[in-house]
Amino acid sequence: MVKMKPQFVLSFVIGLLFSACSVSNQTTGSVANDGITKLDEGIDSIKVEVSTKVGGTRCIVLKDNAKAVARFENKPDSTLSSTTTEELTALADSLFVEKNTKIILSQKDAEGRTDYPIFTVSLYKDGQGETTRYDMGTQEGNITHCTTCDIQYSQAFRQFISKVFEILN
C-alpha cells in the first residue's frame, strides 16, 4: 500500500474547496423551533465519516433537532455552530434522505490507481443503519480519479464533502 503524503491531502481539500466556491446554500427539510434544520423521512441521525491510512477516522454526526458534532481520534468532540449544522443537514437531507439531488453524474472504470480517502455516509432510523461508501481521490476537471473509477460527482455533493473536509481538517 502506498502511504498518502500530507501534500496530497492538502491539495485534495483545496481542490474540493475551489470546486464548491460558486455554489449557493441549499435548504431542504423542515426547520425545528430552535432553528436547526430537521431531518426528513424519520431519519434519527446521519454519520459522515472520512477514513484515511494516514489520518485515521474522523466523523461528523448530524442528529435530528441537535447541533452537529465532529469527532476526531484522540481528541474531544467538537460541537458545530447552528449555521454550519443547518447547512450540512440541509445538504445531507437533499442528497441522502430525500435523494432529490444527484450525487454521481457519470462514472467510468479506471485501473492502476492507489488508495485514497474513503467518504462514508450512514443513515440511522430506529436503530438500523444504511451505509453508502464514496471513493475520493485527486480532482481534475470536476472528475474524481480514485482507486477503481473516474467519477463526476454533482456540484451539491462536492459542496457537501468540501464542507465536511473543511471541518475535519
Protein backbone atom coordinates (compact mmCIF):
# COMPACT_ATOMS: atom_id res chain seq x y z
CA MET A 1 0.00 0.00 0.00
CA VAL A 2 1.21 3.48 -0.81
CA LYS A 3 1.30 5.97 2.06
CA MET A 4 -0.59 9.20 1.43
CA LYS A 5 1.50 12.34 1.66
CA PRO A 6 0.25 15.36 3.62
CA GLN A 7 0.64 17.44 0.45
CA PHE A 8 -1.86 15.18 -1.34
CA VAL A 9 -4.46 15.57 1.39
CA LEU A 10 -3.97 19.35 1.43
CA SER A 11 -4.20 19.63 -2.38
CA PHE A 12 -7.28 17.40 -2.39
CA VAL A 13 -9.03 19.59 0.16
CA ILE A 14 -8.05 22.79 -1.65
CA GLY A 15 -9.37 21.35 -4.93
CA LEU A 16 -12.66 20.47 -3.29
CA LEU A 17 -12.96 23.92 -1.78
CA PHE A 18 -12.32 25.66 -5.10
CA SER A 19 -14.91 23.50 -6.83
CA ALA A 20 -17.54 24.36 -4.22
CA CYS A 21 -16.97 28.12 -4.02
CA SER A 22 -19.60 29.11 -6.59
CA VAL A 23 -22.42 27.04 -5.13
CA SER A 24 -25.13 28.80 -3.12
CA ASN A 25 -26.59 27.30 0.05
CA GLN A 26 -29.46 24.89 -0.46
CA THR A 27 -32.16 24.36 2.14
CA THR A 28 -34.49 21.41 2.41
CA GLY A 29 -36.16 19.59 5.23
CA SER A 30 -38.15 21.39 7.88
CA VAL A 31 -36.87 23.81 10.49
CA ALA A 32 -37.42 22.95 14.15
CA ASN A 33 -38.30 25.54 16.83
CA ASP A 34 -34.63 26.04 17.77
CA GLY A 35 -33.66 26.93 14.18
CA ILE A 36 -31.86 23.64 13.46
CA THR A 37 -32.95 22.00 10.21
CA LYS A 38 -34.89 18.79 10.92
CA LEU A 39 -34.14 15.59 9.01
CA ASP A 40 -36.98 14.18 6.91
CA GLU A 41 -38.24 10.63 6.39
CA GLY A 42 -37.93 9.69 10.09
CA ILE A 43 -34.13 9.60 9.96
CA ASP A 44 -32.71 9.84 13.52
CA SER A 45 -29.15 10.72 12.57
CA ILE A 46 -26.61 10.83 9.77
CA LYS A 47 -22.97 9.92 10.33
CA VAL A 48 -20.45 11.21 7.78
CA GLU A 49 -17.08 9.53 8.14
CA VAL A 50 -13.72 10.14 6.46
CA SER A 51 -11.16 7.35 6.74
CA THR A 52 -7.55 7.54 5.60
CA LYS A 53 -4.49 5.43 6.17
CA VAL A 54 -2.59 8.46 7.49
CA GLY A 55 -5.21 10.42 9.42
CA GLY A 56 -7.31 7.61 10.85
CA THR A 57 -11.07 8.06 11.03
CA ARG A 58 -12.91 11.31 11.70
CA CYS A 59 -16.63 11.86 11.53
CA ILE A 60 -19.49 14.33 11.82
CA VAL A 61 -22.75 13.22 13.42
CA LEU A 62 -25.94 15.07 12.48
CA LYS A 63 -28.81 14.28 14.87
CA ASP A 64 -32.41 15.33 14.45
CA ASN A 65 -33.04 18.72 16.16
CA ALA A 66 -29.49 18.98 17.55
CA LYS A 67 -26.23 20.68 16.68
CA ALA A 68 -23.77 18.55 14.72
CA VAL A 69 -20.79 17.02 16.49
CA ALA A 70 -17.36 16.47 14.93
CA ARG A 71 -15.39 13.52 16.29
CA PHE A 72 -11.64 13.10 15.90
CA GLU A 73 -9.40 10.28 17.02
CA ASN A 74 -7.71 11.07 20.36
CA LYS A 75 -9.39 14.50 20.67
CA PRO A 76 -12.54 15.70 22.44
CA ASP A 77 -15.76 16.06 20.45
CA SER A 78 -16.42 19.47 18.93
CA THR A 79 -19.95 20.92 18.62
CA LEU A 80 -20.56 22.80 15.36
CA SER A 81 -22.39 26.10 15.09
CA SER A 82 -26.12 26.27 14.28
CA THR A 83 -25.31 27.79 10.88
CA THR A 84 -22.88 25.01 9.94
CA THR A 85 -25.28 22.36 11.28
CA GLU A 86 -28.17 23.79 9.23
CA GLU A 87 -26.07 23.88 6.05
CA LEU A 88 -24.81 20.30 6.48
CA THR A 89 -28.24 18.96 7.48
CA ALA A 90 -29.97 20.60 4.52
CA LEU A 91 -27.43 19.23 2.04
CA ALA A 92 -27.40 15.76 3.65
CA ASP A 93 -31.20 15.66 3.67
CA SER A 94 -31.39 16.59 -0.01
CA LEU A 95 -28.59 14.24 -1.10
CA PHE A 96 -29.03 11.15 1.08
CA VAL A 97 -32.55 11.18 2.59
CA GLU A 98 -34.89 12.73 0.03
CA LYS A 99 -32.46 11.86 -2.79
CA ASN A 100 -33.78 14.76 -4.88
CA THR A 101 -30.26 15.91 -5.78
CA LYS A 102 -27.97 13.69 -7.84
CA ILE A 103 -24.69 12.55 -6.38
CA ILE A 104 -22.98 10.82 -9.32
CA LEU A 105 -23.32 12.40 -12.76
CA SER A 106 -21.02 9.97 -14.60
CA GLN A 107 -18.68 7.11 -13.80
CA LYS A 108 -16.07 5.19 -15.81
CA ASP A 109 -13.91 2.25 -14.78
CA ALA A 110 -10.25 3.01 -14.16
CA GLU A 111 -7.32 0.84 -13.18
CA GLY A 112 -3.92 1.22 -11.58
CA ARG A 113 -4.81 3.86 -9.01
CA THR A 114 -3.54 3.99 -5.45
CA ASP A 115 -5.51 4.19 -2.19
CA TYR A 116 -7.36 7.42 -1.39
CA PRO A 117 -9.60 8.54 1.48
CA ILE A 118 -12.98 6.87 1.78
CA PHE A 119 -16.05 9.01 2.44
CA THR A 120 -18.85 7.04 4.13
CA VAL A 121 -22.41 8.22 4.83
CA SER A 122 -24.61 6.22 7.23
CA LEU A 123 -28.32 6.93 7.77
CA TYR A 124 -29.90 5.70 11.02
CA LYS A 125 -33.62 5.12 11.52
CA ASP A 126 -34.99 3.34 14.58
CA GLY A 127 -31.56 1.96 15.43
CA GLN A 128 -30.99 0.48 11.97
CA GLY A 129 -28.20 1.84 9.76
CA GLU A 130 -27.79 2.04 5.99
CA THR A 131 -24.26 2.86 4.81
CA THR A 132 -23.02 4.09 1.44
CA ARG A 133 -19.34 4.46 0.58
CA TYR A 134 -17.93 7.06 -1.83
CA ASP A 135 -14.39 6.92 -3.20
CA MET A 136 -12.30 10.06 -3.05
CA GLY A 137 -9.16 10.89 -4.98
CA THR A 138 -7.43 13.57 -6.97
CA GLN A 139 -9.59 16.21 -8.64
CA GLU A 140 -9.05 17.21 -12.27
CA GLY A 141 -11.66 18.99 -14.35
CA ASN A 142 -14.51 18.09 -11.92
CA ILE A 143 -13.59 14.40 -12.22
CA THR A 144 -12.54 12.47 -9.11
CA HIS A 145 -9.81 9.99 -10.05
CA CYS A 146 -9.92 7.30 -7.39
CA THR A 147 -8.99 3.67 -6.85
CA THR A 148 -11.41 1.98 -9.23
CA CYS A 149 -13.32 4.72 -11.07
CA ASP A 150 -13.20 8.16 -12.61
CA ILE A 151 -16.32 9.78 -11.18
CA GLN A 152 -18.01 13.10 -11.85
CA TYR A 153 -19.78 13.99 -8.63
CA SER A 154 -22.53 16.63 -8.69
CA GLN A 155 -21.84 20.17 -7.51
CA ALA A 156 -24.13 19.70 -4.47
CA PHE A 157 -22.22 16.57 -3.39
CA ARG A 158 -18.86 18.31 -3.89
CA GLN A 159 -20.16 21.21 -1.78
CA PHE A 160 -21.13 18.76 0.97
CA ILE A 161 -17.78 16.93 1.01
CA SER A 162 -15.89 20.24 0.85
CA LYS A 163 -17.73 21.41 3.97
CA VAL A 164 -17.04 18.11 5.74
CA PHE A 165 -13.32 18.18 4.86
CA GLU A 166 -13.12 21.85 5.90
CA ILE A 167 -14.46 20.91 9.34
CA LEU A 168 -12.47 17.71 9.81
CA ASN A 169 -9.08 19.00 8.67
